[in-house]
Amino acid sequence: MYRFMVVTDPDTAPGFRMAGVDVIVVSGVDEARLLLPTLLLKDDTGIVAVNEEYMESIDEKLLDKIEKTYRPIIIPIPAGNKEMDRSSYVERLIRKAIGHNIVVG
């Protein structure tokens, strides 16, 4: 069985822990950027939800690697009031999975 993990800040970690999710707490963008490549190599991880602020800091090379990786699936999760265009990322994941673009309005 694959694990569901969350990479987030110390403020939101307790909520995910109460939900029974494996949580990795990082202190900031730099620490998350160093951690993500190692999570791509774990065989027992199926989904990694990452604080959207950390996702925005990922360089293009790592983002391409994430999008080409079959497992784990890396998804952004909202953090605070900041807005992120998650629809384009989710659309790319759907297109990758089924070969077609589906737009949900």
PDB file of N, CA and C in Angstrom:
ATOM      1  N   MET A   1       0.845  -1.168   0.000  1.00  0.00           N
ATOM      2  CA  MET A   1       0.000   0.000   0.000  1.00  0.00           C
ATOM      3  C   MET A   1       0.899   1.244   0.000  1.00  0.00           C
ATOM      4  N   TYR A   2       0.544   2.182  -0.826  1.00  0.00           N
ATOM      5  CA  TYR A   2       1.323   3.402  -0.924  1.00  0.00           C
ATOM      6  C   TYR A   2       0.893   4.415   0.130  1.00  0.00           C
ATOM      7  N   ARG A   3       1.848   5.239   0.536  1.00  0.00           N
ATOM      8  CA  ARG A   3       1.597   6.242   1.571  1.00  0.00           C
ATOM      9  C   ARG A   3       1.200   7.576   0.960  1.00  0.00           C
ATOM     10  N   PHE A   4       0.407   8.313   1.715  1.00  0.00           N
ATOM     11  CA  PHE A   4       0.039   9.681   1.380  1.00  0.00           C
ATOM     12  C   PHE A   4       0.801  10.570   2.349  1.00  0.00           C
ATOM     13  N   MET A   5       1.610  11.479   1.817  1.00  0.00           N
ATOM     14  CA  MET A   5       2.447  12.333   2.655  1.00  0.00           C
ATOM     15  C   MET A   5       2.127  13.800   2.373  1.00  0.00           C
ATOM     16  N   VAL A   6       2.347  14.630   3.369  1.00  0.00           N
ATOM     17  CA  VAL A   6       2.160  16.074   3.234  1.00  0.00           C
ATOM     18  C   VAL A   6       3.450  16.765   3.655  1.00  0.00           C
ATOM     19  N   VAL A   7       3.914  17.676   2.801  1.00  0.00           N
ATOM     20  CA  VAL A   7       5.066  18.514   3.119  1.00  0.00           C
ATOM     21  C   VAL A   7       4.517  19.911   3.357  1.00  0.00           C
ATOM     22  N   THR A   8       4.653  20.396   4.590  1.00  0.00           N
ATOM     23  CA  THR A   8       4.032  21.673   4.930  1.00  0.00           C
ATOM     24  C   THR A   8       4.789  22.376   6.038  1.00  0.00           C
ATOM     25  N   ASP A   9       4.267  23.525   6.407  1.00  0.00           N
ATOM     26  CA  ASP A   9       4.886  24.353   7.443  1.00  0.00           C
ATOM     27  C   ASP A   9       4.405  23.906   8.829  1.00  0.00           C
ATOM     28  N   PRO A  10       5.079  24.357   9.886  1.00  0.00           N
ATOM     29  CA  PRO A  10       4.710  23.940  11.246  1.00  0.00           C
ATOM     30  C   PRO A  10       3.289  24.349  11.663  1.00  0.00           C
ATOM     31  N   ASP A  11       2.746  25.410  11.091  1.00  0.00           N
ATOM     32  CA  ASP A  11       1.414  25.867  11.489  1.00  0.00           C
ATOM     33  C   ASP A  11       0.292  24.961  11.014  1.00  0.00           C
ATOM     34  N   THR A  12       0.428  24.377   9.826  1.00  0.00           N
ATOM     35  CA  THR A  12      -0.650  23.538   9.290  1.00  0.00           C
ATOM     36  C   THR A  12      -0.426  22.041   9.518  1.00  0.00           C
ATOM     37  N   ALA A  13       0.742  21.661   9.974  1.00  0.00           N
ATOM     38  CA  ALA A  13       1.051  20.248  10.181  1.00  0.00           C
ATOM     39  C   ALA A  13       0.114  19.534  11.161  1.00  0.00           C
ATOM     40  N   PRO A  14      -0.236  20.141  12.304  1.00  0.00           N
ATOM     41  CA  PRO A  14      -1.099  19.413  13.251  1.00  0.00           C
ATOM     42  C   PRO A  14      -2.440  18.971  12.661  1.00  0.00           C
ATOM     43  N   GLY A  15      -3.037  19.772  11.822  1.00  0.00           N
ATOM     44  CA  GLY A  15      -4.314  19.400  11.209  1.00  0.00           C
ATOM     45  C   GLY A  15      -4.188  18.156  10.348  1.00  0.00           C
ATOM     46  N   PHE A  16      -3.114  18.069   9.582  1.00  0.00           N
ATOM     47  CA  PHE A  16      -2.897  16.885   8.755  1.00  0.00           C
ATOM     48  C   PHE A  16      -2.587  15.668   9.611  1.00  0.00           C
ATOM     49  N   ARG A  17      -1.844  15.871  10.686  1.00  0.00           N
ATOM     50  CA  ARG A  17      -1.543  14.747  11.585  1.00  0.00           C
ATOM     51  C   ARG A  17      -2.819  14.197  12.214  1.00  0.00           C
ATOM     52  N   MET A  18      -3.732  15.107  12.594  1.00  0.00           N
ATOM     53  CA  MET A  18      -5.002  14.656  13.187  1.00  0.00           C
ATOM     54  C   MET A  18      -5.811  13.846  12.185  1.00  0.00           C
ATOM     55  N   ALA A  19      -5.611  14.097  10.903  1.00  0.00           N
ATOM     56  CA  ALA A  19      -6.313  13.340   9.861  1.00  0.00           C
ATOM     57  C   ALA A  19      -5.632  12.000   9.581  1.00  0.00           C
ATOM     58  N   GLY A  20      -4.494  11.753  10.229  1.00  0.00           N
ATOM     59  CA  GLY A  20      -3.805  10.477  10.071  1.00  0.00           C
ATOM     60  C   GLY A  20      -2.838  10.418   8.912  1.00  0.00           C
ATOM     61  N   VAL A  21      -2.439  11.563   8.415  1.00  0.00           N
ATOM     62  CA  VAL A  21      -1.533  11.625   7.272  1.00  0.00           C
ATOM     63  C   VAL A  21      -0.094  11.719   7.765  1.00  0.00           C
ATOM     64  N   ASP A  22       0.834  11.099   7.025  1.00  0.00           N
ATOM     65  CA  ASP A  22       2.253  11.271   7.314  1.00  0.00           C
ATOM     66  C   ASP A  22       2.646  12.693   6.940  1.00  0.00           C
ATOM     67  N   VAL A  23       3.223  13.426   7.886  1.00  0.00           N
ATOM     68  CA  VAL A  23       3.559  14.829   7.671  1.00  0.00           C
ATOM     69  C   VAL A  23       5.053  15.030   7.806  1.00  0.00           C
ATOM     70  N   ILE A  24       5.599  15.782   6.855  1.00  0.00           N
ATOM     71  CA  ILE A  24       6.988  16.217   6.944  1.00  0.00           C
ATOM     72  C   ILE A  24       6.949  17.728   7.095  1.00  0.00           C
ATOM     73  N   VAL A  25       7.439  18.200   8.213  1.00  0.00           N
ATOM     74  CA  VAL A  25       7.431  19.633   8.494  1.00  0.00           C
ATOM     75  C   VAL A  25       8.764  20.221   8.034  1.00  0.00           C
ATOM     76  N   VAL A  26       8.673  21.261   7.230  1.00  0.00           N
ATOM     77  CA  VAL A  26       9.869  21.978   6.793  1.00  0.00           C
ATOM     78  C   VAL A  26       9.753  23.430   7.229  1.00  0.00           C
ATOM     79  N   SER A  27      10.903  24.044   7.444  1.00  0.00           N
ATOM     80  CA  SER A  27      10.902  25.404   7.976  1.00  0.00           C
ATOM     81  C   SER A  27      10.766  26.470   6.902  1.00  0.00           C
ATOM     82  N   GLY A  28      10.938  26.081   5.646  1.00  0.00           N
ATOM     83  CA  GLY A  28      10.819  27.087   4.598  1.00  0.00           C
ATOM     84  C   GLY A  28      11.017  26.515   3.216  1.00  0.00           C
ATOM     85  N   VAL A  29      11.028  27.424   2.253  1.00  0.00           N
ATOM     86  CA  VAL A  29      11.108  27.073   0.841  1.00  0.00           C
ATOM     87  C   VAL A  29      12.396  26.309   0.520  1.00  0.00           C
ATOM     88  N   ASP A  30      13.507  26.755   1.053  1.00  0.00           N
ATOM     89  CA  ASP A  30      14.790  26.111   0.748  1.00  0.00           C
ATOM     90  C   ASP A  30      14.828  24.664   1.220  1.00  0.00           C
ATOM     91  N   GLU A  31      14.334  24.419   2.406  1.00  0.00           N
ATOM     92  CA  GLU A  31      14.307  23.060   2.934  1.00  0.00           C
ATOM     93  C   GLU A  31      13.382  22.162   2.108  1.00  0.00           C
ATOM     94  N   ALA A  32      12.253  22.692   1.698  1.00  0.00           N
ATOM     95  CA  ALA A  32      11.323  21.917   0.866  1.00  0.00           C
ATOM     96  C   ALA A  32      11.942  21.601  -0.485  1.00  0.00           C
ATOM     97  N   ARG A  33      12.635  22.562  -1.066  1.00  0.00           N
ATOM     98  CA  ARG A  33      13.278  22.362  -2.367  1.00  0.00           C
ATOM     99  C   ARG A  33      14.324  21.244  -2.304  1.00  0.00           C
ATOM    100  N   LEU A  34      15.022  21.129  -1.184  1.00  0.00           N
ATOM    101  CA  LEU A  34      16.008  20.058  -1.012  1.00  0.00           C
ATOM    102  C   LEU A  34      15.347  18.708  -0.750  1.00  0.00           C
ATOM    103  N   LEU A  35      14.194  18.717  -0.110  1.00  0.00           N
ATOM    104  CA  LEU A  35      13.503  17.484   0.266  1.00  0.00           C
ATOM    105  C   LEU A  35      12.785  16.809  -0.896  1.00  0.00           C
ATOM    106  N   LEU A  36      12.167  17.582  -1.779  1.00  0.00           N
ATOM    107  CA  LEU A  36      11.319  17.007  -2.837  1.00  0.00           C
ATOM    108  C   LEU A  36      12.031  15.985  -3.721  1.00  0.00           C
ATOM    109  N   PRO A  37      13.253  16.203  -4.168  1.00  0.00           N
ATOM    110  CA  PRO A  37      13.898  15.173  -5.002  1.00  0.00           C
ATOM    111  C   PRO A  37      14.050  13.832  -4.284  1.00  0.00           C
ATOM    112  N   THR A  38      14.293  13.846  -2.971  1.00  0.00           N
ATOM    113  CA  THR A  38      14.426  12.579  -2.248  1.00  0.00           C
ATOM    114  C   THR A  38      13.082  11.856  -2.141  1.00  0.00           C
ATOM    115  N   LEU A  39      11.976  12.614  -2.063  1.00  0.00           N
ATOM    116  CA  LEU A  39      10.657  11.980  -1.993  1.00  0.00           C
ATOM    117  C   LEU A  39      10.292  11.295  -3.304  1.00  0.00           C
ATOM    118  N   LEU A  40      10.822  11.793  -4.412  1.00  0.00           N
ATOM    119  CA  LEU A  40      10.554  11.165  -5.714  1.00  0.00           C
ATOM    120  C   LEU A  40      11.162   9.769  -5.812  1.00  0.00           C
ATOM    121  N   LEU A  41      12.158   9.498  -4.993  1.00  0.00           N
ATOM    122  CA  LEU A  41      12.850   8.209  -5.042  1.00  0.00           C
ATOM    123  C   LEU A  41      12.258   7.161  -4.110  1.00  0.00           C
ATOM    124  N   LYS A  42      11.326   7.537  -3.255  1.00  0.00           N
ATOM    125  CA  LYS A  42      10.749   6.585  -2.302  1.00  0.00           C
ATOM    126  C   LYS A  42       9.758   5.655  -3.001  1.00  0.00           C
ATOM    127  N   ASP A  43       9.952   4.366  -2.812  1.00  0.00           N
ATOM    128  CA  ASP A  43       9.101   3.369  -3.460  1.00  0.00           C
ATOM    129  C   ASP A  43       7.732   3.208  -2.799  1.00  0.00           C
ATOM    130  N   ASP A  44       7.610   3.609  -1.542  1.00  0.00           N
ATOM    131  CA  ASP A  44       6.367   3.367  -0.816  1.00  0.00           C
ATOM    132  C   ASP A  44       5.428   4.572  -0.791  1.00  0.00           C
ATOM    133  N   THR A  45       5.760   5.619  -1.523  1.00  0.00           N
ATOM    134  CA  THR A  45       4.951   6.828  -1.512  1.00  0.00           C
ATOM    135  C   THR A  45       4.127   6.938  -2.782  1.00  0.00           C
ATOM    136  N   GLY A  46       2.819   7.168  -2.629  1.00  0.00           N
ATOM    137  CA  GLY A  46       1.929   7.274  -3.773  1.00  0.00           C
ATOM    138  C   GLY A  46       1.576   8.708  -4.114  1.00  0.00           C
ATOM    139  N   ILE A  47       1.280   9.506  -3.084  1.00  0.00           N
ATOM    140  CA  ILE A  47       0.902  10.901  -3.279  1.00  0.00           C
ATOM    141  C   ILE A  47       1.641  11.752  -2.258  1.00  0.00           C
ATOM    142  N   VAL A  48       2.173  12.870  -2.739  1.00  0.00           N
ATOM    143  CA  VAL A  48       2.797  13.846  -1.855  1.00  0.00           C
ATOM    144  C   VAL A  48       2.095  15.176  -2.092  1.00  0.00           C
ATOM    145  N   ALA A  49       1.420  15.674  -1.070  1.00  0.00           N
ATOM    146  CA  ALA A  49       0.787  16.988  -1.137  1.00  0.00           C
ATOM    147  C   ALA A  49       1.772  17.992  -0.562  1.00  0.00           C
ATOM    148  N   VAL A  50       2.014  19.055  -1.316  1.00  0.00           N
ATOM    149  CA  VAL A  50       3.037  20.025  -0.934  1.00  0.00           C
ATOM    150  C   VAL A  50       2.402  21.402  -0.804  1.00  0.00           C
ATOM    151  N   ASN A  51       2.736  22.090   0.249  1.00  0.00           N
ATOM    152  CA  ASN A  51       2.304  23.469   0.456  1.00  0.00           C
ATOM    153  C   ASN A  51       2.548  24.247  -0.834  1.00  0.00           C
ATOM    154  N   GLU A  52       1.546  24.988  -1.320  1.00  0.00           N
ATOM    155  CA  GLU A  52       1.643  25.663  -2.612  1.00  0.00           C
ATOM    156  C   GLU A  52       2.791  26.649  -2.692  1.00  0.00           C
ATOM    157  N   GLU A  53       3.137  27.273  -1.596  1.00  0.00           N
ATOM    158  CA  GLU A  53       4.275  28.195  -1.588  1.00  0.00           C
ATOM    159  C   GLU A  53       5.559  27.448  -1.947  1.00  0.00           C
ATOM    160  N   TYR A  54       5.693  26.232  -1.453  1.00  0.00           N
ATOM    161  CA  TYR A  54       6.873  25.427  -1.761  1.00  0.00           C
ATOM    162  C   TYR A  54       6.857  24.977  -3.219  1.00  0.00           C
ATOM    163  N   MET A  55       5.675  24.635  -3.726  1.00  0.00           N
ATOM    164  CA  MET A  55       5.558  24.223  -5.132  1.00  0.00           C
ATOM    165  C   MET A  55       5.963  25.350  -6.077  1.00  0.00           C
ATOM    166  N   GLU A  56       5.608  26.581  -5.722  1.00  0.00           N
ATOM    167  CA  GLU A  56       5.943  27.719  -6.570  1.00  0.00           C
ATOM    168  C   GLU A  56       7.444  27.960  -6.635  1.00  0.00           C
ATOM    169  N   SER A  57       8.186  27.469  -5.653  1.00  0.00           N
ATOM    170  CA  SER A  57       9.630  27.703  -5.609  1.00  0.00           C
ATOM    171  C   SER A  57      10.430  26.649  -6.384  1.00  0.00           C
ATOM    172  N   ILE A  58       9.765  25.624  -6.882  1.00  0.00           N
ATOM    173  CA  ILE A  58      10.462  24.543  -7.580  1.00  0.00           C
ATOM    174  C   ILE A  58      10.979  25.037  -8.926  1.00  0.00           C
ATOM    175  N   ASP A  59      12.221  24.707  -9.220  1.00  0.00           N
ATOM    176  CA  ASP A  59      12.775  25.115 -10.512  1.00  0.00           C
ATOM    177  C   ASP A  59      12.191  24.258 -11.634  1.00  0.00           C
ATOM    178  N   GLU A  60      12.328  24.741 -12.860  1.00  0.00           N
ATOM    179  CA  GLU A  60      11.722  24.083 -14.029  1.00  0.00           C
ATOM    180  C   GLU A  60      12.215  22.644 -14.219  1.00  0.00           C
ATOM    181  N   LYS A  61      13.480  22.395 -13.956  1.00  0.00           N
ATOM    182  CA  LYS A  61      14.042  21.048 -14.140  1.00  0.00           C
ATOM    183  C   LYS A  61      13.361  20.045 -13.204  1.00  0.00           C
ATOM    184  N   LEU A  62      13.210  20.423 -11.941  1.00  0.00           N
ATOM    185  CA  LEU A  62      12.548  19.532 -10.991  1.00  0.00           C
ATOM    186  C   LEU A  62      11.065  19.403 -11.307  1.00  0.00           C
ATOM    187  N   LEU A  63      10.427  20.494 -11.715  1.00  0.00           N
ATOM    188  CA  LEU A  63       9.007  20.436 -12.078  1.00  0.00           C
ATOM    189  C   LEU A  63       8.786  19.494 -13.261  1.00  0.00           C
ATOM    190  N   ASP A  64       9.668  19.533 -14.254  1.00  0.00           N
ATOM    191  CA  ASP A  64       9.574  18.601 -15.385  1.00  0.00           C
ATOM    192  C   ASP A  64       9.722  17.161 -14.918  1.00  0.00           C
ATOM    193  N   LYS A  65      10.662  16.925 -14.011  1.00  0.00           N
ATOM    194  CA  LYS A  65      10.863  15.570 -13.490  1.00  0.00           C
ATOM    195  C   LYS A  65       9.620  15.095 -12.739  1.00  0.00           C
ATOM    196  N   ILE A  66       9.014  15.979 -11.953  1.00  0.00           N
ATOM    197  CA  ILE A  66       7.792  15.635 -11.214  1.00  0.00           C
ATOM    198  C   ILE A  66       6.669  15.271 -12.184  1.00  0.00           C
ATOM    199  N   GLU A  67       6.524  16.055 -13.243  1.00  0.00           N
ATOM    200  CA  GLU A  67       5.444  15.810 -14.198  1.00  0.00           C
ATOM    201  C   GLU A  67       5.656  14.535 -15.004  1.00  0.00           C
ATOM    202  N   LYS A  68       6.894  14.101 -15.182  1.00  0.00           N
ATOM    203  CA  LYS A  68       7.179  12.885 -15.947  1.00  0.00           C
ATOM    204  C   LYS A  68       7.188  11.637 -15.075  1.00  0.00           C
ATOM    205  N   THR A  69       7.182  11.817 -13.765  1.00  0.00           N
ATOM    206  CA  THR A  69       7.231  10.693 -12.844  1.00  0.00           C
ATOM    207  C   THR A  69       5.849  10.070 -12.693  1.00  0.00           C
ATOM    208  N   TYR A  70       5.795   8.758 -12.802  1.00  0.00           N
ATOM    209  CA  TYR A  70       4.530   8.039 -12.656  1.00  0.00           C
ATOM    210  C   TYR A  70       4.058   8.047 -11.208  1.00  0.00           C
ATOM    211  N   ARG A  71       4.986   7.807 -10.312  1.00  0.00           N
ATOM    212  CA  ARG A  71       4.670   7.773  -8.890  1.00  0.00           C
ATOM    213  C   ARG A  71       5.893   8.209  -8.129  1.00  0.00           C
ATOM    214  N   PRO A  72       5.766   9.023  -7.125  1.00  0.00           N
ATOM    215  CA  PRO A  72       4.536   9.552  -6.549  1.00  0.00           C
ATOM    216  C   PRO A  72       3.989  10.728  -7.339  1.00  0.00           C
ATOM    217  N   ILE A  73       2.716  10.963  -7.160  1.00  0.00           N
ATOM    218  CA  ILE A  73       2.076  12.140  -7.728  1.00  0.00           C
ATOM    219  C   ILE A  73       2.282  13.266  -6.723  1.00  0.00           C
ATOM    220  N   ILE A  74       2.773  14.392  -7.190  1.00  0.00           N
ATOM    221  CA  ILE A  74       3.003  15.560  -6.347  1.00  0.00           C
ATOM    222  C   ILE A  74       1.904  16.577  -6.649  1.00  0.00           C
ATOM    223  N   ILE A  75       1.163  16.984  -5.618  1.00  0.00           N
ATOM    224  CA  ILE A  75       0.075  17.945  -5.818  1.00  0.00           C
ATOM    225  C   ILE A  75       0.232  19.130  -4.866  1.00  0.00           C
ATOM    226  N   PRO A  76      -0.152  20.323  -5.305  1.00  0.00           N
ATOM    227  CA  PRO A  76      -0.098  21.479  -4.403  1.00  0.00           C
ATOM    228  C   PRO A  76      -1.323  21.522  -3.499  1.00  0.00           C
ATOM    229  N   ILE A  77      -1.133  22.026  -2.296  1.00  0.00           N
ATOM    230  CA  ILE A  77      -2.251  22.254  -1.390  1.00  0.00           C
ATOM    231  C   ILE A  77      -2.261  23.731  -0.993  1.00  0.00           C
ATOM    232  N   PRO A  78      -3.426  24.323  -0.857  1.00  0.00           N
ATOM    233  CA  PRO A  78      -3.511  25.747  -0.512  1.00  0.00           C
ATOM    234  C   PRO A  78      -2.853  26.042   0.833  1.00  0.00           C
ATOM    235  N   ALA A  79      -2.234  27.201   0.890  1.00  0.00           N
ATOM    236  CA  ALA A  79      -1.606  27.643   2.136  1.00  0.00           C
ATOM    237  C   ALA A  79      -1.956  29.107   2.348  1.00  0.00           C
ATOM    238  N   GLY A  80      -2.705  29.387   3.382  1.00  0.00           N
ATOM    239  CA  GLY A  80      -3.060  30.766   3.690  1.00  0.00           C
ATOM    240  C   GLY A  80      -4.013  31.346   2.679  1.00  0.00           C
ATOM    241  N   ASN A  81      -3.899  32.640   2.458  1.00  0.00           N
ATOM    242  CA  ASN A  81      -4.800  33.347   1.552  1.00  0.00           C
ATOM    243  C   ASN A  81      -4.241  33.499   0.149  1.00  0.00           C
ATOM    244  N   LYS A  82      -3.059  33.042  -0.087  1.00  0.00           N
ATOM    245  CA  LYS A  82      -2.407  33.233  -1.378  1.00  0.00           C
ATOM    246  C   LYS A  82      -3.098  32.392  -2.455  1.00  0.00           C
ATOM    247  N   GLU A  83      -3.281  32.987  -3.613  1.00  0.00           N
ATOM    248  CA  GLU A  83      -3.923  32.302  -4.724  1.00  0.00           C
ATOM    249  C   GLU A  83      -2.878  31.668  -5.637  1.00  0.00           C
ATOM    250  N   MET A  84      -3.137  30.455  -6.094  1.00  0.00           N
ATOM    251  CA  MET A  84      -2.256  29.757  -7.033  1.00  0.00           C
ATOM    252  C   MET A  84      -3.115  29.178  -8.136  1.00  0.00           C
ATOM    253  N   ASP A  85      -2.618  29.208  -9.344  1.00  0.00           N
ATOM    254  CA  ASP A  85      -3.355  28.637 -10.463  1.00  0.00           C
ATOM    255  C   ASP A  85      -3.150  27.125 -10.468  1.00  0.00           C
ATOM    256  N   ARG A  86      -3.948  26.448  -9.650  1.00  0.00           N
ATOM    257  CA  ARG A  86      -3.837  24.995  -9.543  1.00  0.00           C
ATOM    258  C   ARG A  86      -4.475  24.290 -10.723  1.00  0.00           C
ATOM    259  N   SER A  87      -5.383  24.962 -11.424  1.00  0.00           N
ATOM    260  CA  SER A  87      -6.114  24.301 -12.506  1.00  0.00           C
ATOM    261  C   SER A  87      -5.177  23.838 -13.616  1.00  0.00           C
ATOM    262  N   SER A  88      -4.190  24.641 -13.981  1.00  0.00           N
ATOM    263  CA  SER A  88      -3.294  24.225 -15.066  1.00  0.00           C
ATOM    264  C   SER A  88      -2.464  23.023 -14.642  1.00  0.00           C
ATOM    265  N   TYR A  89      -2.041  22.977 -13.382  1.00  0.00           N
ATOM    266  CA  TYR A  89      -1.268  21.833 -12.910  1.00  0.00           C
ATOM    267  C   TYR A  89      -2.127  20.574 -12.892  1.00  0.00           C
ATOM    268  N   VAL A  90      -3.355  20.704 -12.392  1.00  0.00           N
ATOM    269  CA  VAL A  90      -4.259  19.547 -12.342  1.00  0.00           C
ATOM    270  C   VAL A  90      -4.616  19.095 -13.750  1.00  0.00           C
ATOM    271  N   GLU A  91      -4.823  20.028 -14.665  1.00  0.00           N
ATOM    272  CA  GLU A  91      -5.114  19.670 -16.055  1.00  0.00           C
ATOM    273  C   GLU A  91      -3.960  18.879 -16.659  1.00  0.00           C
ATOM    274  N   ARG A  92      -2.728  19.273 -16.376  1.00  0.00           N
ATOM    275  CA  ARG A  92      -1.571  18.522 -16.891  1.00  0.00           C
ATOM    276  C   ARG A  92      -1.539  17.116 -16.315  1.00  0.00           C
ATOM    277  N   LEU A  93      -1.882  16.966 -15.014  1.00  0.00           N
ATOM    278  CA  LEU A  93      -1.911  15.630 -14.408  1.00  0.00           C
ATOM    279  C   LEU A  93      -2.969  14.751 -15.061  1.00  0.00           C
ATOM    280  N   ILE A  94      -4.157  15.322 -15.323  1.00  0.00           N
ATOM    281  CA  ILE A  94      -5.236  14.559 -15.957  1.00  0.00           C
ATOM    282  C   ILE A  94      -4.827  14.166 -17.373  1.00  0.00           C
ATOM    283  N   ARG A  95      -4.271  15.105 -18.117  1.00  0.00           N
ATOM    284  CA  ARG A  95      -3.835  14.820 -19.485  1.00  0.00           C
ATOM    285  C   ARG A  95      -2.781  13.711 -19.484  1.00  0.00           C
ATOM    286  N   LYS A  96      -1.883  13.749 -18.512  1.00  0.00           N
ATOM    287  CA  LYS A  96      -0.852  12.721 -18.406  1.00  0.00           C
ATOM    288  C   LYS A  96      -1.471  11.358 -18.105  1.00  0.00           C
ATOM    289  N   ALA A  97      -2.476  11.347 -17.220  1.00  0.00           N
ATOM    290  CA  ALA A  97      -3.073  10.083 -16.787  1.00  0.00           C
ATOM    291  C   ALA A  97      -3.949   9.439 -17.854  1.00  0.00           C
ATOM    292  N   ILE A  98      -4.756  10.247 -18.565  1.00  0.00           N
ATOM    293  CA  ILE A  98      -5.715   9.648 -19.497  1.00  0.00           C
ATOM    294  C   ILE A  98      -5.482  10.016 -20.956  1.00  0.00           C
ATOM    295  N   GLY A  99      -4.540  10.924 -21.197  1.00  0.00           N
ATOM    296  CA  GLY A  99      -4.225  11.272 -22.571  1.00  0.00           C
ATOM    297  C   GLY A  99      -5.122  12.337 -23.198  1.00  0.00           C
ATOM    298  N   HIS A 100      -6.036  12.889 -22.425  1.00  0.00           N
ATOM    299  CA  HIS A 100      -6.943  13.928 -22.916  1.00  0.00           C
ATOM    300  C   HIS A 100      -7.010  15.057 -21.909  1.00  0.00           C
ATOM    301  N   ASN A 101      -7.322  16.233 -22.398  1.00  0.00           N
ATOM    302  CA  ASN A 101      -7.486  17.385 -21.516  1.00  0.00           C
ATOM    303  C   ASN A 101      -8.954  17.533 -21.144  1.00  0.00           C
ATOM    304  N   ILE A 102      -9.234  17.569 -19.866  1.00  0.00           N
ATOM    305  CA  ILE A 102     -10.597  17.773 -19.375  1.00  0.00           C
ATOM    306  C   ILE A 102     -10.596  19.072 -18.586  1.00  0.00           C
ATOM    307  N   VAL A 103     -11.491  19.970 -18.927  1.00  0.00           N
ATOM    308  CA  VAL A 103     -11.582  21.251 -18.236  1.00  0.00           C
ATOM    309  C   VAL A 103     -12.803  21.214 -17.337  1.00  0.00           C
ATOM    310  N   VAL A 104     -12.584  21.431 -16.056  1.00  0.00           N
ATOM    311  CA  VAL A 104     -13.670  21.464 -15.097  1.00  0.00           C
ATOM    312  C   VAL A 104     -13.929  22.919 -14.761  1.00  0.00           C
ATOM    313  N   GLY A 105     -15.171  23.363 -14.973  1.00  0.00           N
ATOM    314  CA  GLY A 105     -15.477  24.785 -14.779  1.00  0.00           C
ATOM    315  C   GLY A 105     -16.157  25.115 -13.532  1.00  0.00           C
TER     316      GLY A 105
END
